[in-house]
Amino acid sequence: MRDFLLDTQTIRYWYDSGCTQHAAVIGNISALRSAGAAFGPQPKLLISVVTLGEIEFGHRVQAGDHTADSAARMKFVQEQLPAAWDVTRDATEAYAQLRSRLFNKYAPGDKRKPKMRPEQLLDPATALSIQIQENDLWLCAQAAAHGFVLVTNDGMKAIRDVAAGMTPPLLMQDWTVANSARIVE
């Protein structure tokens, strides 16, 4: 049974009862936990250190004093998702495979010159042209490398396109849609 790696938005929807996606995410988590109990050990809900960094960044750039709200969110994350998943060496192969597929398919021709230095390929225009933010690419790489299901409602059309047929596979689910959580063997 595969575990689930939740992205930043999914965690936000889980936490924030005021957003329209909250009910669907809560319902999917409840259904998954109920179904998991029937199979034996429940699949884990995991958070990446990349996502923890995005959450912490969000807290630091909020205007005004939101100390109490930030503390409540971090307490929620620590209680609900105690196992933070580090970016480790085994994610590098999946990252390289995904990024090279994206680059080869979507980068403008002038960016694919021979002997370009790697830092010339990491500018914001390149990230825009390959249609995925760097942090999302790392989440996809972590999920693929470890056999997790990435839970996101980001469209990621380009990444889904190039990940088709990839080994290991990139599995994704969108829990903002009611009854969409599925246990994957």
N, C-alpha and C. Protein backbone atom coordinates (compact mmCIF):
# COMPACT_ATOMS: atom_id res chain seq x y z
N MET A 1 0.85 -1.18 0.00
CA MET A 1 0.00 0.00 0.00
C MET A 1 0.89 1.24 0.00
N ARG A 2 0.57 2.18 -0.87
CA ARG A 2 1.39 3.39 -1.01
C ARG A 2 0.97 4.46 -0.01
N ASP A 3 1.95 5.25 0.40
CA ASP A 3 1.69 6.39 1.27
C ASP A 3 1.43 7.62 0.42
N PHE A 4 1.01 8.71 1.06
CA PHE A 4 0.59 9.91 0.36
C PHE A 4 1.42 11.10 0.81
N LEU A 5 1.95 11.84 -0.17
CA LEU A 5 2.73 13.04 0.07
C LEU A 5 1.84 14.24 -0.27
N LEU A 6 1.50 15.03 0.73
CA LEU A 6 0.56 16.14 0.54
C LEU A 6 1.31 17.43 0.22
N ASP A 7 0.83 18.16 -0.78
CA ASP A 7 1.46 19.43 -1.12
C ASP A 7 0.91 20.54 -0.24
N THR A 8 1.46 21.71 -0.39
CA THR A 8 1.14 22.85 0.47
C THR A 8 -0.33 23.23 0.41
N GLN A 9 -0.89 23.31 -0.79
CA GLN A 9 -2.29 23.70 -0.92
C GLN A 9 -3.22 22.68 -0.27
N THR A 10 -2.94 21.40 -0.43
CA THR A 10 -3.78 20.37 0.17
C THR A 10 -3.78 20.52 1.69
N ILE A 11 -2.62 20.78 2.26
CA ILE A 11 -2.54 20.97 3.71
C ILE A 11 -3.30 22.22 4.12
N ARG A 12 -3.18 23.26 3.33
CA ARG A 12 -3.94 24.48 3.62
C ARG A 12 -5.44 24.20 3.62
N TYR A 13 -5.93 23.49 2.63
CA TYR A 13 -7.36 23.19 2.54
C TYR A 13 -7.81 22.30 3.71
N TRP A 14 -6.94 21.42 4.15
CA TRP A 14 -7.25 20.55 5.29
C TRP A 14 -7.38 21.39 6.56
N TYR A 15 -6.47 22.32 6.73
CA TYR A 15 -6.44 23.15 7.94
C TYR A 15 -7.53 24.23 7.94
N ASP A 16 -7.75 24.88 6.82
CA ASP A 16 -8.59 26.08 6.75
C ASP A 16 -10.05 25.72 6.49
N SER A 17 -10.84 25.70 7.56
CA SER A 17 -12.26 25.34 7.43
C SER A 17 -13.06 26.39 6.67
N GLY A 18 -12.48 27.55 6.42
CA GLY A 18 -13.17 28.61 5.71
C GLY A 18 -13.05 28.53 4.19
N CYS A 19 -12.21 27.64 3.68
CA CYS A 19 -12.06 27.55 2.22
C CYS A 19 -13.02 26.51 1.65
N THR A 20 -13.39 26.69 0.41
CA THR A 20 -14.40 25.83 -0.21
C THR A 20 -13.91 24.39 -0.40
N GLN A 21 -12.61 24.17 -0.46
CA GLN A 21 -12.06 22.84 -0.69
C GLN A 21 -11.95 22.02 0.60
N HIS A 22 -12.15 22.66 1.74
CA HIS A 22 -11.95 22.01 3.04
C HIS A 22 -12.78 20.73 3.18
N ALA A 23 -14.06 20.80 2.90
CA ALA A 23 -14.95 19.64 3.09
C ALA A 23 -14.50 18.45 2.25
N ALA A 24 -14.13 18.69 1.00
CA ALA A 24 -13.70 17.58 0.13
C ALA A 24 -12.41 16.95 0.65
N VAL A 25 -11.45 17.78 1.06
CA VAL A 25 -10.18 17.25 1.56
C VAL A 25 -10.41 16.46 2.84
N ILE A 26 -11.19 16.99 3.76
CA ILE A 26 -11.49 16.27 5.01
C ILE A 26 -12.20 14.96 4.71
N GLY A 27 -13.18 15.01 3.81
CA GLY A 27 -13.90 13.80 3.44
C GLY A 27 -12.99 12.73 2.84
N ASN A 28 -12.06 13.14 1.99
CA ASN A 28 -11.12 12.20 1.39
C ASN A 28 -10.17 11.61 2.42
N ILE A 29 -9.71 12.42 3.36
CA ILE A 29 -8.82 11.91 4.41
C ILE A 29 -9.58 10.91 5.27
N SER A 30 -10.80 11.23 5.64
CA SER A 30 -11.62 10.31 6.45
C SER A 30 -11.88 9.00 5.71
N ALA A 31 -12.23 9.10 4.44
CA ALA A 31 -12.50 7.90 3.64
C ALA A 31 -11.25 7.05 3.51
N LEU A 32 -10.11 7.69 3.30
CA LEU A 32 -8.85 6.97 3.17
C LEU A 32 -8.51 6.25 4.46
N ARG A 33 -8.67 6.94 5.57
CA ARG A 33 -8.37 6.32 6.86
C ARG A 33 -9.32 5.16 7.15
N SER A 34 -10.57 5.29 6.80
CA SER A 34 -11.53 4.20 6.99
C SER A 34 -11.20 3.01 6.10
N ALA A 35 -10.92 3.28 4.84
CA ALA A 35 -10.57 2.21 3.90
C ALA A 35 -9.27 1.54 4.31
N GLY A 36 -8.31 2.36 4.75
CA GLY A 36 -7.02 1.82 5.18
C GLY A 36 -7.17 0.88 6.36
N ALA A 37 -8.08 1.19 7.27
CA ALA A 37 -8.30 0.34 8.44
C ALA A 37 -8.79 -1.05 8.00
N ALA A 38 -9.56 -1.12 6.93
CA ALA A 38 -10.06 -2.39 6.42
C ALA A 38 -8.95 -3.24 5.81
N PHE A 39 -7.90 -2.61 5.30
CA PHE A 39 -6.79 -3.33 4.65
C PHE A 39 -5.69 -3.72 5.62
N GLY A 40 -5.73 -3.20 6.82
CA GLY A 40 -4.65 -3.45 7.76
C GLY A 40 -4.00 -2.13 8.12
N PRO A 41 -2.68 -2.04 7.99
CA PRO A 41 -2.03 -0.78 8.34
C PRO A 41 -2.49 0.35 7.42
N GLN A 42 -2.74 1.49 8.01
CA GLN A 42 -3.20 2.64 7.23
C GLN A 42 -2.05 3.25 6.45
N PRO A 43 -2.35 3.74 5.26
CA PRO A 43 -1.31 4.48 4.54
C PRO A 43 -0.98 5.75 5.32
N LYS A 44 0.27 6.16 5.22
CA LYS A 44 0.71 7.37 5.93
C LYS A 44 0.42 8.61 5.09
N LEU A 45 0.11 9.68 5.79
CA LEU A 45 0.03 11.00 5.18
C LEU A 45 1.34 11.69 5.53
N LEU A 46 2.08 12.10 4.52
CA LEU A 46 3.42 12.65 4.73
C LEU A 46 3.51 14.08 4.25
N ILE A 47 4.48 14.79 4.81
CA ILE A 47 4.78 16.15 4.37
C ILE A 47 6.26 16.22 4.03
N SER A 48 6.57 16.87 2.93
CA SER A 48 7.95 17.05 2.52
C SER A 48 8.57 18.24 3.26
N VAL A 49 9.87 18.18 3.45
CA VAL A 49 10.56 19.34 4.01
C VAL A 49 10.42 20.54 3.08
N VAL A 50 10.24 20.27 1.79
CA VAL A 50 10.01 21.35 0.82
C VAL A 50 8.70 22.07 1.17
N THR A 51 7.66 21.32 1.46
CA THR A 51 6.37 21.89 1.84
C THR A 51 6.47 22.61 3.18
N LEU A 52 7.20 22.04 4.12
CA LEU A 52 7.40 22.73 5.40
C LEU A 52 8.06 24.08 5.18
N GLY A 53 9.01 24.13 4.27
CA GLY A 53 9.66 25.40 3.94
C GLY A 53 8.69 26.39 3.32
N GLU A 54 7.80 25.91 2.44
CA GLU A 54 6.80 26.81 1.85
C GLU A 54 5.84 27.34 2.91
N ILE A 55 5.44 26.49 3.84
CA ILE A 55 4.54 26.93 4.91
C ILE A 55 5.23 27.97 5.78
N GLU A 56 6.47 27.69 6.15
CA GLU A 56 7.22 28.64 6.99
C GLU A 56 7.42 29.96 6.25
N PHE A 57 7.73 29.91 4.97
CA PHE A 57 7.86 31.13 4.17
C PHE A 57 6.56 31.93 4.21
N GLY A 58 5.44 31.25 4.00
CA GLY A 58 4.14 31.92 4.03
C GLY A 58 3.89 32.64 5.34
N HIS A 59 4.27 32.01 6.43
CA HIS A 59 4.10 32.66 7.74
C HIS A 59 4.96 33.91 7.86
N ARG A 60 6.16 33.85 7.35
CA ARG A 60 7.09 34.98 7.50
C ARG A 60 6.74 36.17 6.63
N VAL A 61 6.04 35.95 5.53
CA VAL A 61 5.72 37.08 4.66
C VAL A 61 4.32 37.63 4.88
N GLN A 62 3.55 37.04 5.79
CA GLN A 62 2.23 37.58 6.09
C GLN A 62 2.35 38.98 6.67
N ALA A 63 1.47 39.86 6.20
CA ALA A 63 1.45 41.22 6.74
C ALA A 63 0.78 41.20 8.10
N GLY A 64 1.29 41.99 9.02
CA GLY A 64 0.68 42.09 10.35
C GLY A 64 1.18 41.01 11.28
N ASP A 65 0.63 41.03 12.47
CA ASP A 65 1.03 40.07 13.50
C ASP A 65 0.09 38.87 13.46
N HIS A 66 0.58 37.77 12.91
CA HIS A 66 -0.20 36.54 12.82
C HIS A 66 0.48 35.43 13.61
N THR A 67 1.17 35.80 14.68
CA THR A 67 1.94 34.85 15.45
C THR A 67 1.08 33.70 15.97
N ALA A 68 -0.08 34.03 16.52
CA ALA A 68 -0.95 32.99 17.09
C ALA A 68 -1.46 32.06 15.99
N ASP A 69 -1.87 32.63 14.85
CA ASP A 69 -2.36 31.81 13.75
C ASP A 69 -1.25 30.94 13.17
N SER A 70 -0.06 31.50 13.03
CA SER A 70 1.07 30.73 12.52
C SER A 70 1.40 29.58 13.45
N ALA A 71 1.39 29.85 14.74
CA ALA A 71 1.68 28.79 15.73
C ALA A 71 0.61 27.70 15.67
N ALA A 72 -0.65 28.09 15.50
CA ALA A 72 -1.73 27.11 15.41
C ALA A 72 -1.57 26.24 14.16
N ARG A 73 -1.19 26.85 13.04
CA ARG A 73 -0.98 26.08 11.81
C ARG A 73 0.17 25.11 11.96
N MET A 74 1.27 25.57 12.54
CA MET A 74 2.42 24.69 12.70
C MET A 74 2.10 23.55 13.68
N LYS A 75 1.33 23.84 14.70
CA LYS A 75 0.91 22.79 15.64
C LYS A 75 0.06 21.76 14.90
N PHE A 76 -0.85 22.23 14.07
CA PHE A 76 -1.68 21.34 13.26
C PHE A 76 -0.81 20.44 12.39
N VAL A 77 0.14 21.03 11.68
CA VAL A 77 1.02 20.26 10.80
C VAL A 77 1.80 19.23 11.60
N GLN A 78 2.35 19.62 12.74
CA GLN A 78 3.15 18.70 13.54
C GLN A 78 2.31 17.56 14.11
N GLU A 79 1.06 17.84 14.46
CA GLU A 79 0.20 16.79 15.01
C GLU A 79 -0.35 15.88 13.92
N GLN A 80 -0.74 16.44 12.79
CA GLN A 80 -1.36 15.64 11.74
C GLN A 80 -0.35 14.98 10.81
N LEU A 81 0.79 15.60 10.63
CA LEU A 81 1.81 15.10 9.71
C LEU A 81 3.17 15.06 10.40
N PRO A 82 3.30 14.21 11.41
CA PRO A 82 4.53 14.24 12.21
C PRO A 82 5.78 13.77 11.47
N ALA A 83 5.61 12.99 10.41
CA ALA A 83 6.77 12.46 9.69
C ALA A 83 7.11 13.35 8.50
N ALA A 84 8.09 14.23 8.67
CA ALA A 84 8.55 15.05 7.56
C ALA A 84 9.50 14.22 6.71
N TRP A 85 9.33 14.30 5.40
CA TRP A 85 10.13 13.51 4.48
C TRP A 85 11.23 14.38 3.89
N ASP A 86 12.47 13.99 4.12
CA ASP A 86 13.62 14.75 3.61
C ASP A 86 13.83 14.51 2.12
N VAL A 87 14.40 15.50 1.47
CA VAL A 87 14.84 15.32 0.09
C VAL A 87 16.18 14.60 0.19
N THR A 88 16.23 13.40 -0.32
CA THR A 88 17.43 12.58 -0.21
C THR A 88 17.97 12.25 -1.60
N ARG A 89 19.11 11.65 -1.60
CA ARG A 89 19.80 11.34 -2.86
C ARG A 89 18.94 10.51 -3.81
N ASP A 90 18.09 9.64 -3.28
CA ASP A 90 17.30 8.78 -4.16
C ASP A 90 16.27 9.56 -4.97
N ALA A 91 15.98 10.80 -4.62
CA ALA A 91 15.05 11.62 -5.41
C ALA A 91 15.75 12.28 -6.60
N THR A 92 17.08 12.25 -6.61
CA THR A 92 17.80 12.97 -7.66
C THR A 92 17.59 12.36 -9.04
N GLU A 93 17.51 11.06 -9.14
CA GLU A 93 17.29 10.40 -10.44
C GLU A 93 15.92 10.77 -11.00
N ALA A 94 14.89 10.71 -10.16
CA ALA A 94 13.55 11.08 -10.61
C ALA A 94 13.49 12.56 -10.98
N TYR A 95 14.15 13.40 -10.19
CA TYR A 95 14.21 14.84 -10.49
C TYR A 95 14.85 15.07 -11.87
N ALA A 96 16.00 14.45 -12.07
CA ALA A 96 16.72 14.63 -13.34
C ALA A 96 15.89 14.12 -14.52
N GLN A 97 15.24 12.99 -14.33
CA GLN A 97 14.42 12.43 -15.39
C GLN A 97 13.25 13.36 -15.72
N LEU A 98 12.54 13.84 -14.70
CA LEU A 98 11.41 14.73 -14.93
C LEU A 98 11.85 16.06 -15.55
N ARG A 99 12.87 16.66 -14.97
CA ARG A 99 13.29 17.97 -15.46
C ARG A 99 13.83 17.89 -16.88
N SER A 100 14.59 16.86 -17.19
CA SER A 100 15.11 16.74 -18.55
C SER A 100 13.99 16.49 -19.55
N ARG A 101 12.99 15.71 -19.17
CA ARG A 101 11.85 15.50 -20.06
C ARG A 101 11.09 16.81 -20.29
N LEU A 102 10.89 17.56 -19.22
CA LEU A 102 10.22 18.87 -19.35
C LEU A 102 11.04 19.81 -20.23
N PHE A 103 12.33 19.87 -19.96
CA PHE A 103 13.21 20.76 -20.71
C PHE A 103 13.21 20.40 -22.19
N ASN A 104 13.35 19.12 -22.48
CA ASN A 104 13.41 18.70 -23.88
C ASN A 104 12.10 18.94 -24.62
N LYS A 105 11.00 18.90 -23.92
CA LYS A 105 9.72 19.09 -24.59
C LYS A 105 9.27 20.55 -24.62
N TYR A 106 9.53 21.31 -23.55
CA TYR A 106 8.92 22.63 -23.41
C TYR A 106 9.87 23.82 -23.45
N ALA A 107 11.16 23.63 -23.23
CA ALA A 107 12.07 24.79 -23.23
C ALA A 107 12.18 25.36 -24.64
N PRO A 108 12.19 26.69 -24.76
CA PRO A 108 12.35 27.30 -26.08
C PRO A 108 13.67 26.87 -26.70
N GLY A 109 13.70 26.80 -28.03
CA GLY A 109 14.88 26.35 -28.74
C GLY A 109 16.14 27.11 -28.41
N ASP A 110 16.01 28.42 -28.14
CA ASP A 110 17.21 29.22 -27.85
C ASP A 110 17.80 28.88 -26.48
N LYS A 111 17.06 28.17 -25.65
CA LYS A 111 17.58 27.75 -24.35
C LYS A 111 18.34 26.43 -24.44
N ARG A 112 18.25 25.76 -25.57
CA ARG A 112 18.85 24.44 -25.71
C ARG A 112 20.15 24.48 -26.50
N LYS A 113 20.91 25.51 -26.34
CA LYS A 113 22.17 25.63 -27.07
C LYS A 113 23.21 24.69 -26.47
N PRO A 114 24.06 24.11 -27.31
CA PRO A 114 25.12 23.25 -26.78
C PRO A 114 26.04 24.03 -25.84
N LYS A 115 26.55 23.36 -24.87
CA LYS A 115 27.53 23.87 -23.93
C LYS A 115 27.02 25.03 -23.07
N MET A 116 25.70 25.13 -22.89
CA MET A 116 25.19 26.15 -21.97
C MET A 116 25.54 25.73 -20.56
N ARG A 117 25.80 26.68 -19.71
CA ARG A 117 26.09 26.39 -18.32
C ARG A 117 24.78 26.13 -17.58
N PRO A 118 24.78 25.22 -16.60
CA PRO A 118 23.53 24.88 -15.91
C PRO A 118 22.81 26.08 -15.31
N GLU A 119 23.56 27.04 -14.77
CA GLU A 119 22.89 28.19 -14.16
C GLU A 119 22.14 29.04 -15.17
N GLN A 120 22.50 28.93 -16.44
CA GLN A 120 21.77 29.63 -17.49
C GLN A 120 20.40 29.01 -17.73
N LEU A 121 20.21 27.79 -17.27
CA LEU A 121 18.95 27.08 -17.47
C LEU A 121 18.02 27.22 -16.27
N LEU A 122 18.45 27.89 -15.21
CA LEU A 122 17.67 27.97 -13.99
C LEU A 122 17.03 29.32 -13.76
N ASP A 123 16.97 30.16 -14.77
CA ASP A 123 16.35 31.46 -14.59
C ASP A 123 14.82 31.32 -14.57
N PRO A 124 14.09 32.34 -14.08
CA PRO A 124 12.64 32.24 -14.00
C PRO A 124 11.97 31.96 -15.33
N ALA A 125 12.52 32.47 -16.43
CA ALA A 125 11.91 32.22 -17.73
C ALA A 125 11.92 30.73 -18.06
N THR A 126 13.00 30.05 -17.68
CA THR A 126 13.07 28.62 -17.93
C THR A 126 12.02 27.89 -17.12
N ALA A 127 11.86 28.25 -15.85
CA ALA A 127 10.83 27.61 -15.02
C ALA A 127 9.45 27.86 -15.60
N LEU A 128 9.21 29.06 -16.10
CA LEU A 128 7.93 29.35 -16.75
C LEU A 128 7.76 28.52 -18.01
N SER A 129 8.81 28.41 -18.78
CA SER A 129 8.68 27.71 -20.06
C SER A 129 8.47 26.21 -19.86
N ILE A 130 9.04 25.62 -18.81
CA ILE A 130 8.82 24.19 -18.59
C ILE A 130 7.58 23.94 -17.73
N GLN A 131 6.90 25.00 -17.35
CA GLN A 131 5.55 24.95 -16.79
C GLN A 131 5.43 24.28 -15.42
N ILE A 132 6.44 24.42 -14.57
CA ILE A 132 6.33 23.90 -13.21
C ILE A 132 7.29 24.67 -12.31
N GLN A 133 6.85 24.93 -11.10
CA GLN A 133 7.73 25.58 -10.13
C GLN A 133 8.72 24.55 -9.60
N GLU A 134 9.88 25.03 -9.26
CA GLU A 134 10.96 24.14 -8.82
C GLU A 134 10.55 23.30 -7.61
N ASN A 135 9.88 23.91 -6.63
CA ASN A 135 9.46 23.14 -5.45
C ASN A 135 8.49 22.02 -5.83
N ASP A 136 7.58 22.29 -6.74
CA ASP A 136 6.65 21.25 -7.19
C ASP A 136 7.39 20.12 -7.91
N LEU A 137 8.41 20.47 -8.64
CA LEU A 137 9.21 19.45 -9.32
C LEU A 137 9.89 18.53 -8.31
N TRP A 138 10.40 19.11 -7.22
CA TRP A 138 11.02 18.29 -6.17
C TRP A 138 9.98 17.40 -5.49
N LEU A 139 8.78 17.91 -5.27
CA LEU A 139 7.72 17.07 -4.68
C LEU A 139 7.40 15.90 -5.60
N CYS A 140 7.30 16.17 -6.89
CA CYS A 140 7.04 15.10 -7.87
C CYS A 140 8.17 14.07 -7.84
N ALA A 141 9.40 14.54 -7.77
CA ALA A 141 10.55 13.64 -7.73
C ALA A 141 10.54 12.79 -6.47
N GLN A 142 10.24 13.40 -5.33
CA GLN A 142 10.15 12.63 -4.09
C GLN A 142 9.07 11.56 -4.19
N ALA A 143 7.91 11.95 -4.68
CA ALA A 143 6.80 11.00 -4.79
C ALA A 143 7.17 9.83 -5.71
N ALA A 144 7.72 10.13 -6.87
CA ALA A 144 8.08 9.07 -7.82
C ALA A 144 9.18 8.17 -7.24
N ALA A 145 10.21 8.77 -6.66
CA ALA A 145 11.35 7.99 -6.16
C ALA A 145 10.96 7.03 -5.05
N HIS A 146 9.99 7.43 -4.23
CA HIS A 146 9.63 6.61 -3.07
C HIS A 146 8.31 5.87 -3.23
N GLY A 147 7.69 5.99 -4.40
CA GLY A 147 6.44 5.29 -4.64
C GLY A 147 5.25 5.89 -3.91
N PHE A 148 5.35 7.17 -3.55
CA PHE A 148 4.23 7.85 -2.90
C PHE A 148 3.24 8.34 -3.95
N VAL A 149 2.03 8.60 -3.49
CA VAL A 149 1.05 9.28 -4.32
C VAL A 149 1.13 10.75 -3.93
N LEU A 150 1.37 11.63 -4.89
CA LEU A 150 1.40 13.06 -4.62
C LEU A 150 -0.03 13.59 -4.63
N VAL A 151 -0.43 14.23 -3.54
CA VAL A 151 -1.77 14.79 -3.44
C VAL A 151 -1.66 16.29 -3.69
N THR A 152 -2.24 16.72 -4.81
CA THR A 152 -2.16 18.11 -5.23
C THR A 152 -3.37 18.45 -6.10
N ASN A 153 -3.76 19.70 -6.07
CA ASN A 153 -4.79 20.12 -7.03
C ASN A 153 -4.19 21.07 -8.07
N ASP A 154 -2.86 21.19 -8.05
CA ASP A 154 -2.19 21.93 -9.12
C ASP A 154 -2.35 21.11 -10.40
N GLY A 155 -2.70 21.76 -11.47
CA GLY A 155 -2.94 21.05 -12.73
C GLY A 155 -1.75 20.24 -13.20
N MET A 156 -0.58 20.85 -13.21
CA MET A 156 0.67 20.19 -13.62
C MET A 156 0.50 19.40 -14.91
N LYS A 157 -0.16 20.01 -15.89
CA LYS A 157 -0.39 19.33 -17.17
C LYS A 157 0.91 18.89 -17.81
N ALA A 158 1.89 19.77 -17.84
CA ALA A 158 3.16 19.43 -18.49
C ALA A 158 3.86 18.28 -17.78
N ILE A 159 3.87 18.31 -16.46
CA ILE A 159 4.56 17.24 -15.71
C ILE A 159 3.83 15.91 -15.89
N ARG A 160 2.51 15.95 -15.90
CA ARG A 160 1.74 14.72 -16.13
C ARG A 160 2.04 14.16 -17.52
N ASP A 161 2.17 15.05 -18.47
CA ASP A 161 2.44 14.65 -19.85
C ASP A 161 3.79 13.94 -19.96
N VAL A 162 4.84 14.55 -19.43
CA VAL A 162 6.17 13.96 -19.59
C VAL A 162 6.41 12.79 -18.64
N ALA A 163 5.64 12.70 -17.56
CA ALA A 163 5.82 11.61 -16.60
C ALA A 163 5.16 10.32 -17.07
N ALA A 164 4.31 10.40 -18.07
CA ALA A 164 3.62 9.20 -18.57
C ALA A 164 4.65 8.17 -19.01
N GLY A 165 4.54 6.98 -18.49
CA GLY A 165 5.45 5.90 -18.84
C GLY A 165 6.78 5.93 -18.11
N MET A 166 6.93 6.86 -17.18
CA MET A 166 8.18 6.98 -16.45
C MET A 166 8.32 5.83 -15.45
N THR A 167 9.54 5.41 -15.21
CA THR A 167 9.83 4.40 -14.20
C THR A 167 10.83 4.98 -13.23
N PRO A 168 10.49 5.05 -11.96
CA PRO A 168 9.22 4.68 -11.34
C PRO A 168 8.12 5.67 -11.74
N PRO A 169 6.86 5.23 -11.64
CA PRO A 169 5.77 6.10 -12.08
C PRO A 169 5.51 7.25 -11.11
N LEU A 170 4.96 8.32 -11.66
CA LEU A 170 4.51 9.44 -10.84
C LEU A 170 3.00 9.31 -10.70
N LEU A 171 2.55 9.07 -9.48
CA LEU A 171 1.12 8.90 -9.20
C LEU A 171 0.61 10.15 -8.50
N MET A 172 -0.55 10.65 -8.94
CA MET A 172 -1.10 11.88 -8.37
C MET A 172 -2.60 11.72 -8.14
N GLN A 173 -3.08 12.39 -7.08
CA GLN A 173 -4.51 12.46 -6.81
C GLN A 173 -4.86 13.88 -6.40
N ASP A 174 -6.08 14.29 -6.69
CA ASP A 174 -6.59 15.61 -6.33
C ASP A 174 -7.72 15.41 -5.32
N TRP A 175 -7.45 15.72 -4.07
CA TRP A 175 -8.43 15.51 -3.00
C TRP A 175 -9.38 16.68 -2.83
N THR A 176 -9.29 17.70 -3.68
CA THR A 176 -10.29 18.77 -3.62
C THR A 176 -11.57 18.35 -4.32
N VAL A 177 -11.53 17.19 -4.94
CA VAL A 177 -12.70 16.58 -5.56
C VAL A 177 -13.22 15.53 -4.59
N ALA A 178 -14.48 15.61 -4.23
CA ALA A 178 -15.06 14.67 -3.27
C ALA A 178 -14.90 13.23 -3.76
N ASN A 179 -14.62 12.34 -2.82
CA ASN A 179 -14.51 10.89 -3.09
C ASN A 179 -13.42 10.55 -4.11
N SER A 180 -12.33 11.27 -4.09
CA SER A 180 -11.25 11.01 -5.06
C SER A 180 -10.04 10.31 -4.46
N ALA A 181 -9.97 10.18 -3.14
CA ALA A 181 -8.85 9.50 -2.51
C ALA A 181 -8.97 8.00 -2.77
N ARG A 182 -7.90 7.41 -3.27
CA ARG A 182 -7.89 5.99 -3.59
C ARG A 182 -6.63 5.36 -3.03
N ILE A 183 -6.81 4.24 -2.37
CA ILE A 183 -5.66 3.47 -1.92
C ILE A 183 -5.04 2.83 -3.16
N VAL A 184 -3.74 2.94 -3.25
CA VAL A 184 -3.01 2.41 -4.40
C VAL A 184 -2.07 1.33 -3.89
N GLU A 185 -2.15 0.19 -4.50
CA GLU A 185 -1.28 -0.93 -4.11
C GLU A 185 0.08 -0.80 -4.73
